[in-house]
Structures are given as structure tokens and as C-alpha cells.
Amino acid sequence: MRFGRSFCCRGKIVFLLFILPISCSYAWVFSTKSVEAKFSAKAVLSVTTGDHDEGTKEEKRLQNLWEANPFLTAKSIIDASLANETEKLPYLSLLDVHSVSCSTQYEELFRPLYSNYSNDIKRTVDLPSPRKHKNDKRRHFLLQIAYRGKDFCGWQRQNQGQQQPKPSVQQILEDWLAVLERKKVDVRVCGRTDAGVSALGQVCRFRTFQDLKAMDVYAHLQKLPNHSIRTKQVRQVTSAFHPTFTATCRAYAYLIDINDSSYFGQEKVVLLNKMLQSLEGLELSYIGLSYGKLKSKTPLCTLHHARARLVRTSLDSNKVICIELVGDRFLRRMVRSLVEISMILAIKNADCSSLLRYVRENDSRPSCRPAPSDGLIFIGALFNAM
């Protein structure tokens, strides 16, 4: 017993004097490396923490731009579209030829912004004649709508217990179509937009057991008392069509007026464009640029088209930055967060690969506040089944 106790005590002494310090040293080294790896993008780029003077200065510059409300062009485009006054649309014309390089097939989605051109869904996809599933007696309709985001709390209908000062787009459409259907209806959508985000070519699906034609649905929607929503097209489609699951890509544009800004000349837009182009075609996790609970199966997204263009409006010749993004999916607030961080990096004159490094190295949320919703517009989508 005496020998056992003596051996045990000696073992404890050896452990405390030699093994424990070595273990703690290794633990400290590995934990330090993991922390450095996690925050290397923030430390190097100096864009999200208040501990870096440079990052704070750039954030303040961008905040000053947001406070100047540089979204009059976006507002004018939505207002003219809702009023169906195409002659008053401030169409955009390119000023910077350098940002047009390496054009993609997805640029067709943005043509409504750049010319007197309708982004009617039939222009972007080939629609077969409607066919019914043998067990489905309903008629399926594709609705293409435009709406002014600031008048709604977002697309999605809120729970009854959640009181909102503004209605949702889904609520307005479903309540109005229920009058036609004479019972509750369910309207599905391609892209669920947040509060304040507008749309030019949002795509929805409406199903009914009534013997209705597309013109009947269109005529009913034209009588919608809410003037912040306008139906641009109604088309009967097959039961295979689903606006969420058959969409191959979705397109957004973010418009920023920069007339009085000294931070964003042509060279800044060229740099911003190169940063965004570095993301194209790569399947990346954008969890660090999202908000809230992940609602998709994966945080991985692929941007097929990412561009920044310096443009001028046709009506008042205002200079505008137009950020174009097309992807297979977008996480919540991902577009606005991507705009925010890329603009900060452009102000900082970071290198062209800095945005790609930032996305790859930031795997926690939230990494930055999102840009204002006023400048964001849902442009349209492409589908593989209609």
C-alpha cells in the first residue's frame, strides 16, 4: 500500500511538472492557429471590426453614402414599371467598356434595365403548350409581377401572431386571388424577398380548380386595389412547373447613384467588377454573408454572373453603379451583404482576389451588416420545366 501511494504521488508530480505544461502549450498553439485562421480575413482586410482604424474609416465612408439615399434611380425604375409607363423608365447605358468584358449568357436577364425591352418571361424561356398530369385536375398559372418593396414587410406572409405595420406581397396576392377562387389559395414564389426589396420580374405560381383561362386571372389581378403591385403577365403552364424548385437561376440588380460621391470613380467600378468576377463559377459557402436560420439544405451557392457596371440614366444622365448577380440560389440577405463588403473593399483599394478570400475565410455569421434594401431589385429567373 505504501509503495502504491508513493508511486501514485510521484506520477501526479511528473504529470504536473512535465506533461501538463507541454499539453497546455500544444493546446494554446493549436487554438491560436484556429483563431488566426478564422479571423484572418477580418484582420488582413480590416473591414468588419472596430479595432482597425482603416476598416472603420471605410465603413464610415460607405455609411455616409447610404445616408445620402443614393437610390433614386432604383425608385424611378420601379415607379415607372408599376405605372406601366415605359417611356418614363430611366434606362441605363454603359459608361465603362472595361466592365463589359467576358460577357455571359445571363446578361439577357438584365436587358430590361439597359434598353426599351420587356422582360416578359416568354422572352427568356421556351414555354411548351400546357399539359395536365392525369391525376391533377387543377389549372396551373405562372404570374409575373412587379412590386415596390418599401410598401411591404417582404414577400412571405407572416404568422397571425406576428403583427406587422405593412402587409406582405404574398398576403395581398393570396387574399385577392381567394376572391376569384372563392376559397383560400396558396401562391408560391421564385425568390422570397426581404422587407424593402423590390421586383421587376418576380415569378409566382397560382393553382385553381376553377375553369379559368389566363386572361381571366390577368383581368382579375389588374383590378387589385393595391397599386404597389402590378401583374405583367399570366400564362398557363404545366403541373411540372414550380417557381422555386424548377428555377435554374435567379437574377438581382443593386443600383447605387454616385453623382456626388468622390469615392467611386471609374477605376473603383473596374476594381469592383474584377472582385465580383472572381466569384463566378465557384461553388462557395456564403454562410458568412447570410442572416438567420439556414432554410436551404446547403449554404453552398454558385454565382453564374457577377458584374459591376458604371452606367448613366437616359432621363437625367445620373451616374449609377449597377451590380448584377445571377446565381443558382441566394441565402437570406446574401446579396445585400455581398454588396456591402465588396463596396468596402473597393473603397480600401484591396486587390482583386480579396473578396474571394473573404468569402472563403468567413464561415460564421454575421460577418458584416447588409447594404440597405432600397437599392435591391429582383430582376427575373430562368426555369427548366414549364
Foldseek 3Di string as FASTA:
>chain_A
DVVVVVVVVVVVVCCVPPVVVVVVVVVVVVVVVVVCLQCVLCVVLVAFDPVDPLNVVLLVLVVVQVVVVQQVLVVQQLVCLLVVNLVSRFAKDFDDPLQCPPPDPCVVLVVVRHDSDDNPVCVVDPADDADEDPPDLKWKKKWWKWFFQQQDQWADADDPVDDDPHGHVQVLVQVLVCVVQVHGWGKAWQDTTGRRAIANTTMIMTIHNDPDAQVVVQVSQCPRPDSRMHTDGMHTHYPPDDNHPQFQKWKKKFKGFCQPPPQDDPVLQSLLFLLFVVQAPDFAQQQQQADDDWPDPGSTKHWNDWTWTWIATPPPRTTMIMTMTMIRDAHHLNVQSLVSVSSSSSSVVHHSNSSVVSRRSHDHPHRHDGRDNNRMYTRYTDGDGD
